[in-house]
Amino acid sequence: MNWRIFEGLLSGVNKYSTAFGRIWLSLVFIFCVLVYLVTAERVWSDDHKDFDCDTRQPGCSNVCFDEFFPVSHVRLWALQLILVTCPSLLVVMHVAYREAWERKHQETAGKNGGCLHPDPGKERGGLWWTYVCSLVFKAGVDAAFLHVFHSFYPKYTLPRVVRCHVAPCPNTVDCFISKPTEKDTFTLFMVTTAVVCIVLDVVELTYLVNKRCRECLLARKAWATGLGHRRNWATSSSKQDDLRLGNLIFLGSDAPPPLSPDHPRDHVKKTIL
């Protein structure tokens, strides 16, 4: 595995994530990926070889092992890690697409053409929906795998002895699992990590939705305030125009002007205000 490529992908995911997303990424990388690579594969490497049954019937141990362990723990965890990390990589690819489109726009329109995305990594528009869908998908994958683990291994634990009566076993035989306590410990650890990841996904999703709702409410409030100011300005302007028209008397009219009672021969003169 090329760790430099993996490190670059993790750096990109960490760069375009929120604080909750960074915590989730650290949790997945430290408590899932490293535990899986360092210890889990070694613990489950001898599960088939050390699965002993008290019979020498050819093929009995194989069919009993397949009966009680249809899918290996490590293969389920590997599939879970792949499906959980893919949505985060889609977010990085969406940001890279925005940056490439911005560079193309700058080359076509020039520096005076403005910016399509001033901050390509900001959760706005389509990127916000991509990020939200990735959170829903990650939480759904973790929940689905928890259900699969529980259906295959009730209470997420392994029995020390299993009884098998599947053909070609001649009768009911007892089979013994290798290191069941150690496997139970790692299984419960991975299950707890998955539950914490689901909680972080739900918290981050709630945070993003609440943030977007607040932004929409503030934008609507600002729009309503600006509309009210424009209406007040239009009303005041119409009142001023009415006053100007009311005080307007054309000089030089043929109609005689009114006479003042104190000065009967003086004319009342009004000018344009």
C-alpha atoms as a PDB file:
ATOM      1  CA  MET A   1       0.000   0.000   0.000  1.00  0.00           C
ATOM      2  CA  ASN A   2       1.307   3.452  -0.909  1.00  0.00           C
ATOM      3  CA  TRP A   3       1.133   5.381   2.361  1.00  0.00           C
ATOM      4  CA  ARG A   4       1.995   8.704   0.699  1.00  0.00           C
ATOM      5  CA  ILE A   5      -1.137   8.530  -1.450  1.00  0.00           C
ATOM      6  CA  PHE A   6      -3.171   7.523   1.586  1.00  0.00           C
ATOM      7  CA  GLU A   7      -1.677  10.410   3.575  1.00  0.00           C
ATOM      8  CA  GLY A   8      -2.541  12.860   0.785  1.00  0.00           C
ATOM      9  CA  LEU A   9      -6.133  11.642   0.688  1.00  0.00           C
ATOM     10  CA  LEU A  10      -6.454  11.973   4.471  1.00  0.00           C
ATOM     11  CA  SER A  11      -4.999  15.497   4.343  1.00  0.00           C
ATOM     12  CA  GLY A  12      -7.546  16.503   1.701  1.00  0.00           C
ATOM     13  CA  VAL A  13     -10.453  15.035   3.668  1.00  0.00           C
ATOM     14  CA  ASN A  14      -9.246  16.737   6.853  1.00  0.00           C
ATOM     15  CA  LYS A  15      -8.883  20.083   5.050  1.00  0.00           C
ATOM     16  CA  TYR A  16     -12.457  20.213   3.755  1.00  0.00           C
ATOM     17  CA  SER A  17     -14.202  18.822   6.848  1.00  0.00           C
ATOM     18  CA  THR A  18     -15.785  20.521   9.825  1.00  0.00           C
ATOM     19  CA  ALA A  19     -14.501  20.078  13.382  1.00  0.00           C
ATOM     20  CA  PHE A  20     -16.781  17.074  13.892  1.00  0.00           C
ATOM     21  CA  GLY A  21     -15.586  15.608  10.597  1.00  0.00           C
ATOM     22  CA  ARG A  22     -11.953  15.903  11.710  1.00  0.00           C
ATOM     23  CA  ILE A  23     -12.762  14.096  14.955  1.00  0.00           C
ATOM     24  CA  TRP A  24     -14.527  11.378  12.958  1.00  0.00           C
ATOM     25  CA  LEU A  25     -11.561  11.023  10.623  1.00  0.00           C
ATOM     26  CA  SER A  26      -9.101  10.736  13.523  1.00  0.00           C
ATOM     27  CA  LEU A  27     -11.314   8.151  15.189  1.00  0.00           C
ATOM     28  CA  VAL A  28     -11.596   6.052  12.027  1.00  0.00           C
ATOM     29  CA  PHE A  29      -7.899   6.246  11.224  1.00  0.00           C
ATOM     30  CA  ILE A  30      -6.573   5.524  14.735  1.00  0.00           C
ATOM     31  CA  PHE A  31      -9.163   3.166  16.198  1.00  0.00           C
ATOM     32  CA  CYS A  32     -10.287   1.377  13.029  1.00  0.00           C
ATOM     33  CA  VAL A  33      -7.616   1.390  10.352  1.00  0.00           C
ATOM     34  CA  LEU A  34      -4.586   1.000  12.624  1.00  0.00           C
ATOM     35  CA  VAL A  35      -6.257  -1.553  14.873  1.00  0.00           C
ATOM     36  CA  TYR A  36      -7.366  -3.492  11.815  1.00  0.00           C
ATOM     37  CA  LEU A  37      -3.925  -3.468  10.201  1.00  0.00           C
ATOM     38  CA  VAL A  38      -1.856  -4.070  13.334  1.00  0.00           C
ATOM     39  CA  THR A  39      -3.850  -6.526  15.444  1.00  0.00           C
ATOM     40  CA  ALA A  40      -7.157  -7.695  13.968  1.00  0.00           C
ATOM     41  CA  GLU A  41      -5.690  -9.535  10.990  1.00  0.00           C
ATOM     42  CA  ARG A  42      -3.250 -11.385  13.254  1.00  0.00           C
ATOM     43  CA  VAL A  43      -5.939 -12.352  15.750  1.00  0.00           C
ATOM     44  CA  TRP A  44      -8.197 -13.811  13.044  1.00  0.00           C
ATOM     45  CA  SER A  45      -5.421 -15.262  10.869  1.00  0.00           C
ATOM     46  CA  ASP A  46      -5.653 -18.721  12.470  1.00  0.00           C
ATOM     47  CA  ASP A  47      -9.423 -18.898  13.035  1.00  0.00           C
ATOM     48  CA  HIS A  48      -9.978 -21.669  10.475  1.00  0.00           C
ATOM     49  CA  LYS A  49      -6.816 -23.600  11.243  1.00  0.00           C
ATOM     50  CA  ASP A  50      -7.494 -23.691  14.994  1.00  0.00           C
ATOM     51  CA  PHE A  51     -11.185 -24.493  14.681  1.00  0.00           C
ATOM     52  CA  ASP A  52     -11.189 -27.995  16.161  1.00  0.00           C
ATOM     53  CA  CYS A  53     -14.075 -30.460  16.178  1.00  0.00           C
ATOM     54  CA  ASP A  54     -14.194 -33.742  18.105  1.00  0.00           C
ATOM     55  CA  THR A  55     -14.464 -35.868  14.972  1.00  0.00           C
ATOM     56  CA  ARG A  56     -12.192 -37.025  12.206  1.00  0.00           C
ATOM     57  CA  GLN A  57     -14.906 -37.139   9.569  1.00  0.00           C
ATOM     58  CA  PRO A  58     -13.456 -35.517   6.410  1.00  0.00           C
ATOM     59  CA  GLY A  59     -15.061 -32.158   5.637  1.00  0.00           C
ATOM     60  CA  CYS A  60     -16.956 -31.888   8.928  1.00  0.00           C
ATOM     61  CA  SER A  61     -14.746 -29.127  10.336  1.00  0.00           C
ATOM     62  CA  ASN A  62     -15.022 -27.121   7.111  1.00  0.00           C
ATOM     63  CA  VAL A  63     -18.821 -27.212   6.919  1.00  0.00           C
ATOM     64  CA  CYS A  64     -19.187 -26.459  10.626  1.00  0.00           C
ATOM     65  CA  PHE A  65     -16.854 -23.505  10.329  1.00  0.00           C
ATOM     66  CA  ASP A  66     -18.832 -22.195   7.357  1.00  0.00           C
ATOM     67  CA  GLU A  67     -22.079 -22.731   9.285  1.00  0.00           C
ATOM     68  CA  PHE A  68     -21.076 -20.602  12.253  1.00  0.00           C
ATOM     69  CA  PHE A  69     -18.738 -18.136  10.474  1.00  0.00           C
ATOM     70  CA  PRO A  70     -20.320 -17.371   7.080  1.00  0.00           C
ATOM     71  CA  VAL A  71     -18.255 -14.188   6.757  1.00  0.00           C
ATOM     72  CA  SER A  72     -15.026 -13.454   8.552  1.00  0.00           C
ATOM     73  CA  HIS A  73     -14.862 -10.513  10.930  1.00  0.00           C
ATOM     74  CA  VAL A  74     -11.824  -8.991   9.248  1.00  0.00           C
ATOM     75  CA  ARG A  75     -13.409  -9.141   5.792  1.00  0.00           C
ATOM     76  CA  LEU A  76     -16.562  -7.476   7.074  1.00  0.00           C
ATOM     77  CA  TRP A  77     -14.493  -4.757   8.713  1.00  0.00           C
ATOM     78  CA  ALA A  78     -12.460  -4.254   5.535  1.00  0.00           C
ATOM     79  CA  LEU A  79     -15.632  -3.843   3.487  1.00  0.00           C
ATOM     80  CA  GLN A  80     -17.054  -1.485   6.116  1.00  0.00           C
ATOM     81  CA  LEU A  81     -13.936   0.703   6.106  1.00  0.00           C
ATOM     82  CA  ILE A  82     -13.960   0.904   2.309  1.00  0.00           C
ATOM     83  CA  LEU A  83     -17.623   1.905   2.122  1.00  0.00           C
ATOM     84  CA  VAL A  84     -17.349   4.377   5.006  1.00  0.00           C
ATOM     85  CA  THR A  85     -14.325   6.244   3.650  1.00  0.00           C
ATOM     86  CA  CYS A  86     -15.510   6.478   0.031  1.00  0.00           C
ATOM     87  CA  PRO A  87     -18.021   9.347   0.652  1.00  0.00           C
ATOM     88  CA  SER A  88     -15.267  11.489   2.178  1.00  0.00           C
ATOM     89  CA  LEU A  89     -13.194  10.947  -0.944  1.00  0.00           C
ATOM     90  CA  LEU A  90     -16.181  12.047  -3.034  1.00  0.00           C
ATOM     91  CA  VAL A  91     -16.176  15.347  -1.133  1.00  0.00           C
ATOM     92  CA  VAL A  92     -12.486  15.821  -1.979  1.00  0.00           C
ATOM     93  CA  MET A  93     -13.205  15.024  -5.635  1.00  0.00           C
ATOM     94  CA  HIS A  94     -16.067  17.554  -5.665  1.00  0.00           C
ATOM     95  CA  VAL A  95     -13.737  20.241  -4.306  1.00  0.00           C
ATOM     96  CA  ALA A  96     -11.102  19.317  -6.898  1.00  0.00           C
ATOM     97  CA  TYR A  97     -13.767  19.621  -9.615  1.00  0.00           C
ATOM     98  CA  ARG A  98     -14.672  23.101  -8.327  1.00  0.00           C
ATOM     99  CA  GLU A  99     -11.038  24.187  -8.324  1.00  0.00           C
ATOM    100  CA  ALA A 100     -10.500  22.903 -11.872  1.00  0.00           C
ATOM    101  CA  TRP A 101     -13.670  24.658 -13.067  1.00  0.00           C
ATOM    102  CA  GLU A 102     -12.511  27.876 -11.365  1.00  0.00           C
ATOM    103  CA  ARG A 103      -9.118  27.700 -13.073  1.00  0.00           C
ATOM    104  CA  LYS A 104     -10.799  27.137 -16.431  1.00  0.00           C
ATOM    105  CA  HIS A 105     -13.082  30.125 -15.814  1.00  0.00           C
ATOM    106  CA  GLN A 106     -10.123  32.333 -14.902  1.00  0.00           C
ATOM    107  CA  GLU A 107      -8.269  31.311 -18.051  1.00  0.00           C
ATOM    108  CA  THR A 108     -11.326  32.035 -20.224  1.00  0.00           C
ATOM    109  CA  ALA A 109     -12.668  35.230 -18.629  1.00  0.00           C
ATOM    110  CA  GLY A 110      -9.444  36.624 -17.208  1.00  0.00           C
ATOM    111  CA  LYS A 111      -8.875  38.245 -13.846  1.00  0.00           C
ATOM    112  CA  ASN A 112     -11.699  40.740 -14.398  1.00  0.00           C
ATOM    113  CA  GLY A 113     -14.246  37.979 -14.995  1.00  0.00           C
ATOM    114  CA  GLY A 114     -14.899  37.418 -11.290  1.00  0.00           C
ATOM    115  CA  CYS A 115     -14.906  34.129  -9.384  1.00  0.00           C
ATOM    116  CA  LEU A 116     -17.360  31.285  -9.704  1.00  0.00           C
ATOM    117  CA  HIS A 117     -16.376  29.897  -6.295  1.00  0.00           C
ATOM    118  CA  PRO A 118     -14.391  32.330  -4.089  1.00  0.00           C
ATOM    119  CA  ASP A 119     -13.780  29.499  -1.620  1.00  0.00           C
ATOM    120  CA  PRO A 120     -14.067  26.103  -3.379  1.00  0.00           C
ATOM    121  CA  GLY A 121     -13.824  24.202  -0.090  1.00  0.00           C
ATOM    122  CA  LYS A 122     -16.719  26.041   1.531  1.00  0.00           C
ATOM    123  CA  GLU A 123     -19.856  23.973   2.087  1.00  0.00           C
ATOM    124  CA  ARG A 124     -22.136  25.880  -0.264  1.00  0.00           C
ATOM    125  CA  GLY A 125     -24.473  24.849  -3.050  1.00  0.00           C
ATOM    126  CA  GLY A 126     -23.821  21.420  -4.488  1.00  0.00           C
ATOM    127  CA  LEU A 127     -20.863  20.776  -2.179  1.00  0.00           C
ATOM    128  CA  TRP A 128     -23.139  21.207   0.853  1.00  0.00           C
ATOM    129  CA  TRP A 129     -25.487  18.553  -0.497  1.00  0.00           C
ATOM    130  CA  THR A 130     -22.561  16.245  -1.279  1.00  0.00           C
ATOM    131  CA  TYR A 131     -21.261  16.629   2.268  1.00  0.00           C
ATOM    132  CA  VAL A 132     -24.689  16.034   3.809  1.00  0.00           C
ATOM    133  CA  CYS A 133     -25.311  12.961   1.649  1.00  0.00           C
ATOM    134  CA  SER A 134     -21.895  11.605   2.609  1.00  0.00           C
ATOM    135  CA  LEU A 135     -22.785  11.921   6.303  1.00  0.00           C
ATOM    136  CA  VAL A 136     -26.098  10.124   5.798  1.00  0.00           C
ATOM    137  CA  PHE A 137     -24.380   7.391   3.786  1.00  0.00           C
ATOM    138  CA  LYS A 138     -21.610   6.869   6.374  1.00  0.00           C
ATOM    139  CA  ALA A 139     -24.062   6.643   9.251  1.00  0.00           C
ATOM    140  CA  GLY A 140     -26.250   4.259   7.255  1.00  0.00           C
ATOM    141  CA  VAL A 141     -23.293   2.002   6.373  1.00  0.00           C
ATOM    142  CA  ASP A 142     -22.139   1.790  10.000  1.00  0.00           C
ATOM    143  CA  ALA A 143     -25.667   1.036  11.184  1.00  0.00           C
ATOM    144  CA  ALA A 144     -26.123  -1.615   8.480  1.00  0.00           C
ATOM    145  CA  PHE A 145     -22.891  -3.377   9.390  1.00  0.00           C
ATOM    146  CA  LEU A 146     -23.801  -3.322  13.076  1.00  0.00           C
ATOM    147  CA  HIS A 147     -27.027  -5.069  12.138  1.00  0.00           C
ATOM    148  CA  VAL A 148     -25.143  -7.604   9.992  1.00  0.00           C
ATOM    149  CA  PHE A 149     -22.681  -8.343  12.799  1.00  0.00           C
ATOM    150  CA  HIS A 150     -25.525  -8.793  15.265  1.00  0.00           C
ATOM    151  CA  SER A 151     -27.414 -11.119  12.915  1.00  0.00           C
ATOM    152  CA  PHE A 152     -24.319 -13.284  12.325  1.00  0.00           C
ATOM    153  CA  TYR A 153     -22.982 -13.131  15.888  1.00  0.00           C
ATOM    154  CA  PRO A 154     -25.723 -12.420  18.466  1.00  0.00           C
ATOM    155  CA  LYS A 155     -24.683  -9.941  21.170  1.00  0.00           C
ATOM    156  CA  TYR A 156     -21.442  -9.447  19.186  1.00  0.00           C
ATOM    157  CA  THR A 157     -19.809 -12.292  21.119  1.00  0.00           C
ATOM    158  CA  LEU A 158     -18.469 -15.710  20.164  1.00  0.00           C
ATOM    159  CA  PRO A 159     -19.299 -18.898  22.041  1.00  0.00           C
ATOM    160  CA  ARG A 160     -16.466 -21.007  23.343  1.00  0.00           C
ATOM    161  CA  VAL A 161     -18.067 -24.214  22.074  1.00  0.00           C
ATOM    162  CA  VAL A 162     -20.469 -24.627  19.152  1.00  0.00           C
ATOM    163  CA  ARG A 163     -22.530 -27.724  18.399  1.00  0.00           C
ATOM    164  CA  CYS A 164     -22.769 -28.751  14.775  1.00  0.00           C
ATOM    165  CA  HIS A 165     -24.909 -31.422  13.128  1.00  0.00           C
ATOM    166  CA  VAL A 166     -24.519 -30.503   9.449  1.00  0.00           C
ATOM    167  CA  ALA A 167     -23.736 -33.190   6.876  1.00  0.00           C
ATOM    168  CA  PRO A 168     -21.260 -34.835   6.402  1.00  0.00           C
ATOM    169  CA  CYS A 169     -20.840 -34.879  10.183  1.00  0.00           C
ATOM    170  CA  PRO A 170     -22.022 -38.307  11.433  1.00  0.00           C
ATOM    171  CA  ASN A 171     -23.757 -36.840  14.485  1.00  0.00           C
ATOM    172  CA  THR A 172     -23.814 -33.727  16.636  1.00  0.00           C
ATOM    173  CA  VAL A 173     -20.211 -32.715  17.215  1.00  0.00           C
ATOM    174  CA  ASP A 174     -18.621 -30.120  19.449  1.00  0.00           C
ATOM    175  CA  CYS A 175     -16.320 -27.554  17.853  1.00  0.00           C
ATOM    176  CA  PHE A 176     -13.971 -25.226  19.694  1.00  0.00           C
ATOM    177  CA  ILE A 177     -13.115 -21.670  18.627  1.00  0.00           C
ATOM    178  CA  SER A 178      -9.587 -20.319  18.898  1.00  0.00           C
ATOM    179  CA  LYS A 179      -9.072 -17.396  21.348  1.00  0.00           C
ATOM    180  CA  PRO A 180     -12.762 -16.445  21.798  1.00  0.00           C
ATOM    181  CA  THR A 181     -12.119 -13.937  24.616  1.00  0.00           C
ATOM    182  CA  GLU A 182      -9.549 -11.986  22.613  1.00  0.00           C
ATOM    183  CA  LYS A 183     -11.826 -11.959  19.575  1.00  0.00           C
ATOM    184  CA  ASP A 184     -14.762 -10.775  21.687  1.00  0.00           C
ATOM    185  CA  THR A 185     -12.652  -7.913  23.006  1.00  0.00           C
ATOM    186  CA  PHE A 186     -11.708  -6.685  19.548  1.00  0.00           C
ATOM    187  CA  THR A 187     -15.250  -7.159  18.274  1.00  0.00           C
ATOM    188  CA  LEU A 188     -16.737  -5.060  21.074  1.00  0.00           C
ATOM    189  CA  PHE A 189     -14.034  -2.440  20.519  1.00  0.00           C
ATOM    190  CA  MET A 190     -14.864  -2.142  16.825  1.00  0.00           C
ATOM    191  CA  VAL A 191     -18.603  -2.089  17.537  1.00  0.00           C
ATOM    192  CA  THR A 192     -18.135   0.711  20.092  1.00  0.00           C
ATOM    193  CA  THR A 193     -16.057   2.676  17.589  1.00  0.00           C
ATOM    194  CA  ALA A 194     -18.788   2.291  14.963  1.00  0.00           C
ATOM    195  CA  VAL A 195     -21.439   3.545  17.411  1.00  0.00           C
ATOM    196  CA  VAL A 196     -19.309   6.601  18.258  1.00  0.00           C
ATOM    197  CA  CYS A 197     -18.836   7.271  14.525  1.00  0.00           C
ATOM    198  CA  ILE A 198     -22.602   7.144  13.993  1.00  0.00           C
ATOM    199  CA  VAL A 199     -23.116   9.627  16.842  1.00  0.00           C
ATOM    200  CA  LEU A 200     -20.514  11.976  15.348  1.00  0.00           C
ATOM    201  CA  ASP A 201     -22.169  11.749  11.923  1.00  0.00           C
ATOM    202  CA  VAL A 202     -25.572  12.600  13.399  1.00  0.00           C
ATOM    203  CA  VAL A 203     -24.124  15.503  15.418  1.00  0.00           C
ATOM    204  CA  GLU A 204     -22.319  16.906  12.375  1.00  0.00           C
ATOM    205  CA  LEU A 205     -25.432  16.532  10.237  1.00  0.00           C
ATOM    206  CA  THR A 206     -27.508  18.376  12.854  1.00  0.00           C
ATOM    207  CA  TYR A 207     -24.875  21.109  13.047  1.00  0.00           C
ATOM    208  CA  LEU A 208     -24.815  21.633   9.274  1.00  0.00           C
ATOM    209  CA  VAL A 209     -28.613  21.690   8.948  1.00  0.00           C
ATOM    210  CA  ASN A 210     -29.009  24.135  11.855  1.00  0.00           C
ATOM    211  CA  LYS A 211     -26.281  26.355  10.439  1.00  0.00           C
ATOM    212  CA  ARG A 212     -27.944  26.432   7.031  1.00  0.00           C
ATOM    213  CA  CYS A 213     -31.354  27.188   8.598  1.00  0.00           C
ATOM    214  CA  ARG A 214     -29.878  30.099  10.572  1.00  0.00           C
ATOM    215  CA  GLU A 215     -28.223  31.475   7.450  1.00  0.00           C
ATOM    216  CA  CYS A 216     -31.492  31.242   5.511  1.00  0.00           C
ATOM    217  CA  LEU A 217     -33.402  32.997   8.307  1.00  0.00           C
ATOM    218  CA  LEU A 218     -30.812  35.775   8.522  1.00  0.00           C
ATOM    219  CA  ALA A 219     -30.845  36.216   4.747  1.00  0.00           C
ATOM    220  CA  ARG A 220     -34.654  36.368   4.701  1.00  0.00           C
ATOM    221  CA  LYS A 221     -34.649  38.869   7.575  1.00  0.00           C
ATOM    222  CA  ALA A 222     -32.103  41.058   5.797  1.00  0.00           C
ATOM    223  CA  TRP A 223     -34.154  40.879   2.582  1.00  0.00           C
ATOM    224  CA  ALA A 224     -37.331  41.873   4.455  1.00  0.00           C
ATOM    225  CA  THR A 225     -35.510  44.754   6.166  1.00  0.00           C
ATOM    226  CA  GLY A 226     -34.179  46.016   2.837  1.00  0.00           C
ATOM    227  CA  LEU A 227     -37.633  45.759   1.267  1.00  0.00           C
ATOM    228  CA  GLY A 228     -39.123  47.786   4.131  1.00  0.00           C
ATOM    229  CA  HIS A 229     -36.479  50.484   3.692  1.00  0.00           C
ATOM    230  CA  ARG A 230     -37.240  50.689  -0.018  1.00  0.00           C
ATOM    231  CA  ARG A 231     -40.963  51.027   0.668  1.00  0.00           C
ATOM    232  CA  ASN A 232     -40.385  53.802   3.223  1.00  0.00           C
ATOM    233  CA  TRP A 233     -38.120  55.629   0.806  1.00  0.00           C
ATOM    234  CA  ALA A 234     -40.726  55.376  -1.972  1.00  0.00           C
ATOM    235  CA  THR A 235     -43.487  56.658   0.362  1.00  0.00           C
ATOM    236  CA  SER A 236     -41.428  59.619   1.560  1.00  0.00           C
ATOM    237  CA  SER A 237     -40.484  60.512  -2.020  1.00  0.00           C
ATOM    238  CA  SER A 238     -44.162  60.522  -3.130  1.00  0.00           C
ATOM    239  CA  LYS A 239     -45.109  62.765  -0.184  1.00  0.00           C
ATOM    240  CA  GLN A 240     -42.410  65.275  -1.088  1.00  0.00           C
ATOM    241  CA  ASP A 241     -43.621  65.302  -4.693  1.00  0.00           C
ATOM    242  CA  ASP A 242     -47.209  65.973  -3.520  1.00  0.00           C
ATOM    243  CA  LEU A 243     -46.041  68.904  -1.384  1.00  0.00           C
ATOM    244  CA  ARG A 244     -44.129  70.396  -4.253  1.00  0.00           C
ATOM    245  CA  LEU A 245     -47.095  70.111  -6.600  1.00  0.00           C
ATOM    246  CA  GLY A 246     -49.468  71.619  -3.980  1.00  0.00           C
ATOM    247  CA  ASN A 247     -47.271  74.686  -3.469  1.00  0.00           C
ATOM    248  CA  LEU A 248     -46.801  75.299  -7.179  1.00  0.00           C
ATOM    249  CA  ILE A 249     -48.680  78.361  -8.617  1.00  0.00           C
ATOM    250  CA  PHE A 250     -47.895  79.492 -12.071  1.00  0.00           C
ATOM    251  CA  LEU A 251     -47.006  83.188 -12.131  1.00  0.00           C
ATOM    252  CA  GLY A 252     -48.529  85.380 -14.887  1.00  0.00           C
ATOM    253  CA  SER A 253     -51.911  83.692 -14.795  1.00  0.00           C
ATOM    254  CA  ASP A 254     -54.972  85.584 -16.118  1.00  0.00           C
ATOM    255  CA  ALA A 255     -56.989  84.838 -12.969  1.00  0.00           C
ATOM    256  CA  PRO A 256     -56.725  87.630 -10.362  1.00  0.00           C
ATOM    257  CA  PRO A 257     -54.805  86.669  -7.243  1.00  0.00           C
ATOM    258  CA  PRO A 258     -56.522  86.841  -3.844  1.00  0.00           C
ATOM    259  CA  LEU A 259     -56.383  90.077  -1.826  1.00  0.00           C
ATOM    260  CA  SER A 260     -54.970  90.382   1.645  1.00  0.00           C
ATOM    261  CA  PRO A 261     -57.420  91.836   4.216  1.00  0.00           C
ATOM    262  CA  ASP A 262     -54.788  94.213   5.669  1.00  0.00           C
ATOM    263  CA  HIS A 263     -53.433  95.272   2.372  1.00  0.00           C
ATOM    264  CA  PRO A 264     -56.292  94.961  -0.135  1.00  0.00           C
ATOM    265  CA  ARG A 265     -54.180  96.014  -3.029  1.00  0.00           C
ATOM    266  CA  ASP A 266     -51.248  93.795  -2.307  1.00  0.00           C
ATOM    267  CA  HIS A 267     -51.171  90.499  -3.985  1.00  0.00           C
ATOM    268  CA  VAL A 268     -50.251  87.275  -2.299  1.00  0.00           C
ATOM    269  CA  LYS A 269     -47.314  85.885  -4.189  1.00  0.00           C
ATOM    270  CA  LYS A 270     -46.260  82.355  -3.997  1.00  0.00           C
ATOM    271  CA  THR A 271     -43.227  81.005  -5.618  1.00  0.00           C
ATOM    272  CA  ILE A 272     -42.076  77.571  -6.381  1.00  0.00           C
ATOM    273  CA  LEU A 273     -40.569  75.942  -3.284  1.00  0.00           C
END
